[in-house]
Amino acid sequence: MKNKTSLSPQEGEVRPSRCPDNSAFKQQKLPAWKPQLTIESVLSSFFLIGGFCLSVGVCLILSAKSVREIQIDYSDKCSDCSKLRENSSNWNKECHCSVNFMLKEDILGDVFMYYGLQNFYQNHRRYVISRSDAQLLGRNVNIQKSYCAPFTTYRNGTPMAPCGAIANSMFNDTIDLFYNLNSSVIEVPLLKTGNSWWTDKNVKFRNPKSYNLSSAFAGTARPPYWQKPVYLLDEEDERNNGYVNDDFIIWMRVSAFATFRNLYRRVRRIRQFADGLPAGNYTFRISYNFPVTKFKGRKHVILSTVVWSGGSNPFLGIAYVVTGTAATLTGFVITAIHLKLRKKKTYFQK
């Protein structure tokens, strides 16, 4: 190990040795700790892990059950609009429908509105990569070299903004909520900003730099399935327009499963809705634009609260309970085997 050089048998030249230094780290001579597994340490580990997982799982399940949620399926209730949208030539025709429902109890606290899709697969490989992150950052790029095909340019060469299959299939139903109080109808105030992740809004998505958005997107065209260009997604708020539109950003984060929900709005807690949604009769007024009949899909509107553990999803709690139960049962099995073998050993010693 002291010789750091070696001679070449052919040329006789001196070359540095490839042997590692004779140090404790490089020669793996550092002090190490090897656990000594005893029956006491093994059993205590299993029972402690089992008790911890069972406690956490029960807390998560009880927390998920405390979430107030109501889900409305409007696929069939808006069947006339659905039939209209089956024909792609009717894309410029408006269609509205209403869905009435009743809240038997108050939904207190922050109330979130989601739209849900069923049987809509976003996890296909070509669909997932069909986007241009450079374009979404506001850069002037050649989208022909991206993975956006076939949603890159029109036949006349006009580029699409934004390009790709994900953007082209963006959910574009408009959903408004109304509270029917006695003989009056009150529109529930909804917040359409602040729903996306901060990193998406401020890092991953940016508009091209220009004195206004219409000039920034000059020379481009909307995707084929869109009803308006990207710079008109929110004409009332420039900070929520273009590529930094919250609805667009949330849609661009694809789901791993065929049934999913995306955050759409939040109830603004003012006036009659300062504490949440009071019990009573409500109406969803929907501008129906997103067809789902061809892929046998369903559409939902969900009103839900959230708790410290998230929304109404007991999966994590069930997983903890199953893990804790398995660890506890394993501990009991090991205990039984140990006692049985110890009795045999004592018998033979006698």
Protein backbone atom coordinates (compact mmCIF):
# COMPACT_ATOMS: atom_id res chain seq x y z
CA MET A 1 0.00 0.00 0.00
CA LYS A 2 3.01 2.30 0.37
CA ASN A 3 4.07 2.02 -3.25
CA LYS A 4 2.13 4.72 -5.19
CA THR A 5 3.72 3.99 -8.58
CA SER A 6 4.06 1.04 -10.94
CA LEU A 7 6.15 0.24 -14.02
CA SER A 8 4.69 -0.52 -17.42
CA PRO A 9 6.02 -3.92 -18.62
CA GLN A 10 6.29 -2.65 -22.19
CA GLU A 11 7.69 0.84 -21.93
CA GLY A 12 9.10 0.87 -18.41
CA GLU A 13 7.47 4.18 -17.69
CA VAL A 14 6.29 5.12 -14.20
CA ARG A 15 2.53 5.50 -13.76
CA PRO A 16 0.54 6.48 -10.67
CA SER A 17 -0.95 3.51 -8.83
CA ARG A 18 -4.73 3.10 -8.91
CA CYS A 19 -4.78 1.64 -5.41
CA PRO A 20 -6.74 3.77 -2.91
CA ASP A 21 -4.95 5.57 -0.11
CA ASN A 22 -4.25 3.64 3.03
CA SER A 23 -6.77 5.60 5.08
CA ALA A 24 -9.52 4.40 7.39
CA PHE A 25 -12.22 5.78 5.12
CA LYS A 26 -10.93 4.45 1.79
CA GLN A 27 -9.92 1.08 3.24
CA GLN A 28 -13.25 0.71 5.07
CA LYS A 29 -11.65 0.56 8.51
CA LEU A 30 -13.97 3.08 10.15
CA PRO A 31 -15.60 1.95 13.39
CA ALA A 32 -19.03 0.47 12.78
CA TRP A 33 -21.94 -0.55 14.95
CA LYS A 34 -23.55 -3.90 14.41
CA PRO A 35 -26.90 -4.30 16.16
CA GLN A 36 -27.31 -7.37 18.32
CA LEU A 37 -30.86 -8.56 17.75
CA THR A 38 -32.43 -10.04 20.85
CA ILE A 39 -35.96 -11.26 21.35
CA GLU A 40 -36.70 -8.27 23.56
CA SER A 41 -35.50 -5.69 21.03
CA VAL A 42 -37.29 -7.38 18.11
CA LEU A 43 -40.62 -7.72 19.89
CA SER A 44 -40.51 -4.20 21.30
CA SER A 45 -39.79 -2.84 17.79
CA PHE A 46 -42.76 -4.66 16.25
CA PHE A 47 -45.17 -3.63 19.00
CA LEU A 48 -43.99 -0.01 19.02
CA ILE A 49 -44.30 0.27 15.23
CA GLY A 50 -47.69 -1.41 15.32
CA GLY A 51 -49.00 0.86 18.07
CA PHE A 52 -47.70 3.98 16.34
CA CYS A 53 -49.17 3.08 12.94
CA LEU A 54 -52.53 2.11 14.46
CA SER A 55 -52.73 5.41 16.37
CA VAL A 56 -51.86 7.51 13.34
CA GLY A 57 -54.20 5.52 11.10
CA VAL A 58 -57.19 5.92 13.42
CA CYS A 59 -56.52 9.67 13.70
CA LEU A 60 -56.33 10.01 9.90
CA ILE A 61 -59.54 8.05 9.34
CA LEU A 62 -61.47 10.05 11.95
CA SER A 63 -60.10 13.26 10.45
CA ALA A 64 -61.15 12.25 6.92
CA LYS A 65 -64.65 11.38 8.15
CA SER A 66 -65.05 14.86 9.65
CA VAL A 67 -64.79 16.43 6.18
CA ARG A 68 -68.12 17.77 4.90
CA GLU A 69 -68.57 17.02 1.21
CA ILE A 70 -71.35 17.00 -1.37
CA GLN A 71 -70.89 15.69 -4.91
CA ILE A 72 -73.24 16.46 -7.81
CA ASP A 73 -73.09 14.49 -11.07
CA TYR A 74 -74.38 16.70 -13.89
CA SER A 75 -73.54 14.45 -16.85
CA ASP A 76 -77.14 13.31 -17.31
CA LYS A 77 -78.83 16.43 -15.97
CA CYS A 78 -77.24 18.40 -18.80
CA SER A 79 -77.97 15.76 -21.44
CA ASP A 80 -79.26 18.29 -24.00
CA CYS A 81 -76.00 20.20 -23.90
CA SER A 82 -74.08 16.94 -23.99
CA LYS A 83 -75.78 15.95 -27.25
CA LEU A 84 -75.05 19.38 -28.71
CA ARG A 85 -71.35 19.06 -27.87
CA GLU A 86 -71.11 15.64 -29.52
CA ASN A 87 -71.00 17.46 -32.85
CA SER A 88 -67.72 19.37 -33.03
CA SER A 89 -69.22 21.82 -35.54
CA ASN A 90 -71.31 23.30 -32.69
CA TRP A 91 -68.26 24.48 -30.77
CA ASN A 92 -69.29 28.16 -31.06
CA LYS A 93 -72.86 27.60 -29.81
CA GLU A 94 -73.51 28.32 -26.15
CA CYS A 95 -75.44 25.86 -23.99
CA HIS A 96 -76.46 26.34 -20.36
CA CYS A 97 -78.07 24.06 -17.81
CA SER A 98 -79.00 24.27 -14.12
CA VAL A 99 -78.73 21.69 -11.36
CA ASN A 100 -80.66 22.19 -8.10
CA PHE A 101 -79.64 20.63 -4.80
CA MET A 102 -80.19 21.15 -1.09
CA LEU A 103 -77.84 21.38 1.88
CA LYS A 104 -79.52 19.89 4.92
CA GLU A 105 -76.85 21.25 7.28
CA ASP A 106 -74.46 24.18 7.27
CA ILE A 107 -71.01 23.63 5.82
CA LEU A 108 -68.84 25.71 8.13
CA GLY A 109 -65.31 26.91 7.44
CA ASP A 110 -63.48 27.26 4.15
CA VAL A 111 -65.44 25.64 1.32
CA PHE A 112 -63.70 24.51 -1.86
CA MET A 113 -65.34 23.80 -5.21
CA TYR A 114 -63.84 21.09 -7.41
CA TYR A 115 -64.71 19.71 -10.81
CA GLY A 116 -64.34 15.96 -11.17
CA LEU A 117 -63.81 13.84 -14.28
CA GLN A 118 -64.32 10.11 -14.58
CA ASN A 119 -62.81 7.80 -17.20
CA PHE A 120 -60.53 10.57 -18.53
CA TYR A 121 -57.02 9.12 -18.89
CA GLN A 122 -54.22 11.67 -18.54
CA ASN A 123 -51.46 9.14 -17.92
CA HIS A 124 -50.81 8.11 -21.53
CA ARG A 125 -47.13 8.62 -22.30
CA ARG A 126 -47.64 10.71 -25.45
CA TYR A 127 -50.27 12.81 -23.71
CA VAL A 128 -48.08 13.52 -20.68
CA ILE A 129 -45.15 14.80 -22.75
CA SER A 130 -47.31 16.75 -25.21
CA ARG A 131 -46.36 20.22 -24.01
CA SER A 132 -43.58 22.79 -24.32
CA ASP A 133 -42.25 23.95 -20.97
CA ALA A 134 -40.06 26.54 -22.69
CA GLN A 135 -43.12 28.05 -24.38
CA LEU A 136 -44.99 28.11 -21.05
CA LEU A 137 -42.10 30.12 -19.61
CA GLY A 138 -42.82 32.85 -22.14
CA ARG A 139 -39.81 32.13 -24.34
CA ASN A 140 -39.78 32.48 -28.11
CA VAL A 141 -39.14 28.87 -29.14
CA ASN A 142 -39.66 26.73 -32.19
CA ILE A 143 -42.47 24.43 -31.08
CA GLN A 144 -41.96 22.26 -34.15
CA LYS A 145 -39.02 20.73 -32.27
CA SER A 146 -41.12 20.02 -29.19
CA TYR A 147 -43.35 17.07 -28.32
CA CYS A 148 -46.54 19.05 -29.00
CA ALA A 149 -47.35 17.36 -32.31
CA PRO A 150 -49.93 17.22 -33.78
CA PHE A 151 -51.05 20.33 -31.85
CA THR A 152 -48.18 22.58 -32.94
CA THR A 153 -49.28 24.68 -35.92
CA TYR A 154 -52.26 25.07 -38.21
CA ARG A 155 -52.07 24.27 -41.91
CA ASN A 156 -51.23 27.88 -42.72
CA GLY A 157 -48.21 27.69 -40.41
CA THR A 158 -49.65 29.71 -37.50
CA PRO A 159 -48.25 28.31 -34.23
CA MET A 160 -50.60 27.36 -31.41
CA ALA A 161 -50.30 29.04 -28.05
CA PRO A 162 -50.24 27.03 -25.90
CA CYS A 163 -49.32 23.94 -27.89
CA GLY A 164 -49.79 20.29 -27.04
CA ALA A 165 -52.57 17.80 -26.28
CA ILE A 166 -52.78 18.68 -22.57
CA ALA A 167 -53.53 22.34 -23.21
CA ASN A 168 -55.86 21.55 -26.10
CA SER A 169 -58.05 19.31 -23.90
CA MET A 170 -58.35 21.87 -21.06
CA PHE A 171 -61.56 21.66 -19.02
CA ASN A 172 -63.61 24.73 -19.97
CA ASP A 173 -67.03 24.38 -18.33
CA THR A 174 -68.05 27.52 -16.43
CA ILE A 175 -69.73 26.80 -13.08
CA ASP A 176 -71.54 29.39 -10.94
CA LEU A 177 -73.23 28.78 -7.60
CA PHE A 178 -76.44 30.49 -6.44
CA TYR A 179 -78.16 30.48 -3.06
CA ASN A 180 -81.97 30.47 -3.14
CA LEU A 181 -83.10 32.44 -0.08
CA ASN A 182 -86.89 32.72 0.14
CA SER A 183 -87.88 34.39 -3.13
CA SER A 184 -84.47 35.91 -3.90
CA VAL A 185 -81.49 34.38 -5.65
CA ILE A 186 -78.04 35.30 -4.30
CA GLU A 187 -74.86 34.52 -6.24
CA VAL A 188 -72.28 32.88 -4.01
CA PRO A 189 -68.99 34.84 -4.28
CA LEU A 190 -66.21 32.60 -5.56
CA LEU A 191 -62.45 33.18 -5.65
CA LYS A 192 -60.76 32.16 -8.90
CA THR A 193 -57.20 33.06 -7.90
CA GLY A 194 -54.90 31.68 -5.24
CA ASN A 195 -55.83 28.09 -6.13
CA SER A 196 -52.60 26.99 -7.83
CA TRP A 197 -49.22 26.20 -6.31
CA TRP A 198 -46.91 29.16 -5.69
CA THR A 199 -44.06 27.47 -7.59
CA ASP A 200 -46.27 26.99 -10.65
CA LYS A 201 -47.63 30.53 -10.62
CA ASN A 202 -44.25 32.23 -10.10
CA VAL A 203 -41.65 29.82 -11.48
CA LYS A 204 -42.97 27.34 -14.07
CA PHE A 205 -45.44 29.56 -15.93
CA ARG A 206 -44.77 33.07 -17.29
CA ASN A 207 -46.23 35.24 -20.00
CA PRO A 208 -44.12 36.62 -22.86
CA LYS A 209 -42.82 40.08 -22.13
CA SER A 210 -44.70 42.86 -23.91
CA TYR A 211 -46.64 46.02 -23.13
CA ASN A 212 -49.92 44.02 -23.30
CA LEU A 213 -50.89 40.38 -23.64
CA SER A 214 -52.60 40.66 -27.01
CA SER A 215 -49.38 41.93 -28.58
CA ALA A 216 -47.33 39.35 -26.66
CA PHE A 217 -49.29 36.55 -28.33
CA ALA A 218 -49.47 38.22 -31.75
CA GLY A 219 -48.86 35.78 -34.58
CA THR A 220 -50.22 32.82 -32.62
CA ALA A 221 -53.63 31.13 -32.52
CA ARG A 222 -55.68 29.34 -29.88
CA PRO A 223 -55.69 25.52 -29.70
CA PRO A 224 -58.39 23.89 -31.89
CA TYR A 225 -60.73 22.97 -29.00
CA TRP A 226 -60.55 26.36 -27.28
CA GLN A 227 -63.28 28.95 -27.67
CA LYS A 228 -61.03 31.96 -27.04
CA PRO A 229 -57.30 32.74 -27.18
CA VAL A 230 -55.04 32.36 -24.17
CA TYR A 231 -54.82 36.12 -23.52
CA LEU A 232 -58.60 36.25 -22.92
CA LEU A 233 -58.81 33.55 -20.24
CA ASP A 234 -59.44 36.24 -17.62
CA GLU A 235 -60.04 39.70 -19.01
CA GLU A 236 -60.87 41.13 -15.58
CA ASP A 237 -57.53 40.34 -13.92
CA GLU A 238 -54.30 40.68 -15.90
CA ARG A 239 -52.39 38.79 -13.18
CA ASN A 240 -54.63 35.80 -13.84
CA ASN A 241 -54.48 35.89 -17.62
CA GLY A 242 -52.48 34.08 -20.26
CA TYR A 243 -50.15 31.29 -19.18
CA VAL A 244 -50.45 32.31 -15.50
CA ASN A 245 -54.19 31.67 -15.39
CA ASP A 246 -54.98 29.50 -12.35
CA ASP A 247 -57.45 27.24 -14.19
CA PHE A 248 -54.92 26.62 -16.95
CA ILE A 249 -52.05 25.96 -14.51
CA ILE A 250 -54.10 23.48 -12.48
CA TRP A 251 -55.18 21.61 -15.61
CA MET A 252 -51.59 21.30 -16.84
CA ARG A 253 -50.69 19.24 -13.75
CA VAL A 254 -51.90 15.90 -15.11
CA SER A 255 -53.45 13.17 -12.96
CA ALA A 256 -52.12 9.65 -12.53
CA PHE A 257 -55.59 8.09 -12.45
CA ALA A 258 -58.58 8.09 -14.76
CA THR A 259 -60.90 9.49 -12.07
CA PHE A 260 -59.68 12.72 -10.52
CA ARG A 261 -60.74 16.13 -9.29
CA ASN A 262 -59.17 19.56 -9.70
CA LEU A 263 -59.67 22.64 -7.58
CA TYR A 264 -61.90 25.11 -9.40
CA ARG A 265 -62.99 27.84 -6.96
CA ARG A 266 -63.07 28.79 -3.27
CA VAL A 267 -66.06 30.34 -1.53
CA ARG A 268 -65.32 33.90 -0.49
CA ARG A 269 -66.35 34.26 3.15
CA ILE A 270 -68.32 37.51 3.15
CA ARG A 271 -71.89 38.55 3.97
CA GLN A 272 -74.20 35.52 4.34
CA PHE A 273 -71.25 33.22 3.63
CA ALA A 274 -68.85 34.56 6.27
CA ASP A 275 -69.03 31.27 8.20
CA GLY A 276 -69.33 29.02 5.14
CA LEU A 277 -72.35 27.79 3.22
CA PRO A 278 -75.65 27.94 5.18
CA ALA A 279 -78.21 25.18 4.85
CA GLY A 280 -80.81 25.70 2.15
CA ASN A 281 -81.48 25.35 -1.55
CA TYR A 282 -78.74 25.98 -4.09
CA THR A 283 -78.36 25.94 -7.86
CA PHE A 284 -75.39 25.25 -10.08
CA ARG A 285 -75.59 27.16 -13.36
CA ILE A 286 -73.27 25.56 -15.85
CA SER A 287 -72.05 26.73 -19.22
CA TYR A 288 -71.54 23.32 -20.81
CA ASN A 289 -68.49 23.19 -23.11
CA PHE A 290 -66.51 20.06 -22.22
CA PRO A 291 -67.84 16.91 -23.99
CA VAL A 292 -67.41 13.56 -22.25
CA THR A 293 -69.82 11.26 -24.14
CA LYS A 294 -67.31 9.93 -26.68
CA PHE A 295 -65.02 8.46 -24.03
CA LYS A 296 -67.93 7.41 -21.74
CA GLY A 297 -66.91 9.88 -19.09
CA ARG A 298 -68.78 11.56 -16.24
CA LYS A 299 -68.57 15.05 -14.79
CA HIS A 300 -69.07 16.13 -11.20
CA VAL A 301 -69.08 19.26 -9.10
CA ILE A 302 -67.82 18.78 -5.55
CA LEU A 303 -68.22 21.13 -2.58
CA SER A 304 -65.91 20.14 0.24
CA THR A 305 -64.10 21.34 3.33
CA VAL A 306 -60.56 20.38 4.30
CA VAL A 307 -58.93 19.40 7.59
CA TRP A 308 -55.35 19.21 8.85
CA SER A 309 -54.84 15.90 7.02
CA GLY A 310 -56.30 17.09 3.72
CA GLY A 311 -59.59 16.23 2.04
CA SER A 312 -62.00 13.33 2.25
CA ASN A 313 -59.60 10.52 1.38
CA PRO A 314 -59.25 7.69 3.94
CA PHE A 315 -56.64 5.77 1.92
CA LEU A 316 -53.62 6.94 3.95
CA GLY A 317 -55.39 6.19 7.24
CA ILE A 318 -56.36 2.70 6.04
CA ALA A 319 -52.78 2.07 4.91
CA TYR A 320 -51.48 3.01 8.38
CA VAL A 321 -54.06 0.76 10.08
CA VAL A 322 -53.18 -2.19 7.84
CA THR A 323 -49.45 -1.69 8.47
CA GLY A 324 -49.97 -1.35 12.22
CA THR A 325 -52.17 -4.45 12.35
CA ALA A 326 -49.63 -6.48 10.36
CA ALA A 327 -46.77 -5.37 12.64
CA THR A 328 -48.75 -6.15 15.80
CA LEU A 329 -49.83 -9.58 14.55
CA THR A 330 -46.25 -10.35 13.55
CA GLY A 331 -45.16 -9.44 17.08
CA PHE A 332 -47.72 -11.84 18.59
CA VAL A 333 -46.68 -14.63 16.20
CA ILE A 334 -42.99 -14.19 17.08
CA THR A 335 -43.91 -14.18 20.77
CA ALA A 336 -45.86 -17.42 20.44
CA ILE A 337 -43.01 -19.10 18.53
CA HIS A 338 -40.47 -17.91 21.11
CA LEU A 339 -42.50 -19.23 24.05
CA LYS A 340 -43.07 -22.56 22.34
CA LEU A 341 -39.38 -23.04 21.56
CA ARG A 342 -38.37 -21.98 25.06
CA LYS A 343 -40.68 -24.59 26.60
CA LYS A 344 -39.18 -27.30 24.37
CA LYS A 345 -35.66 -26.21 25.32
CA THR A 346 -36.51 -26.31 29.04
CA TYR A 347 -38.09 -29.78 28.66
CA PHE A 348 -35.04 -31.29 26.92
CA GLN A 349 -32.65 -29.75 29.47
CA LYS A 350 -34.51 -31.56 32.22
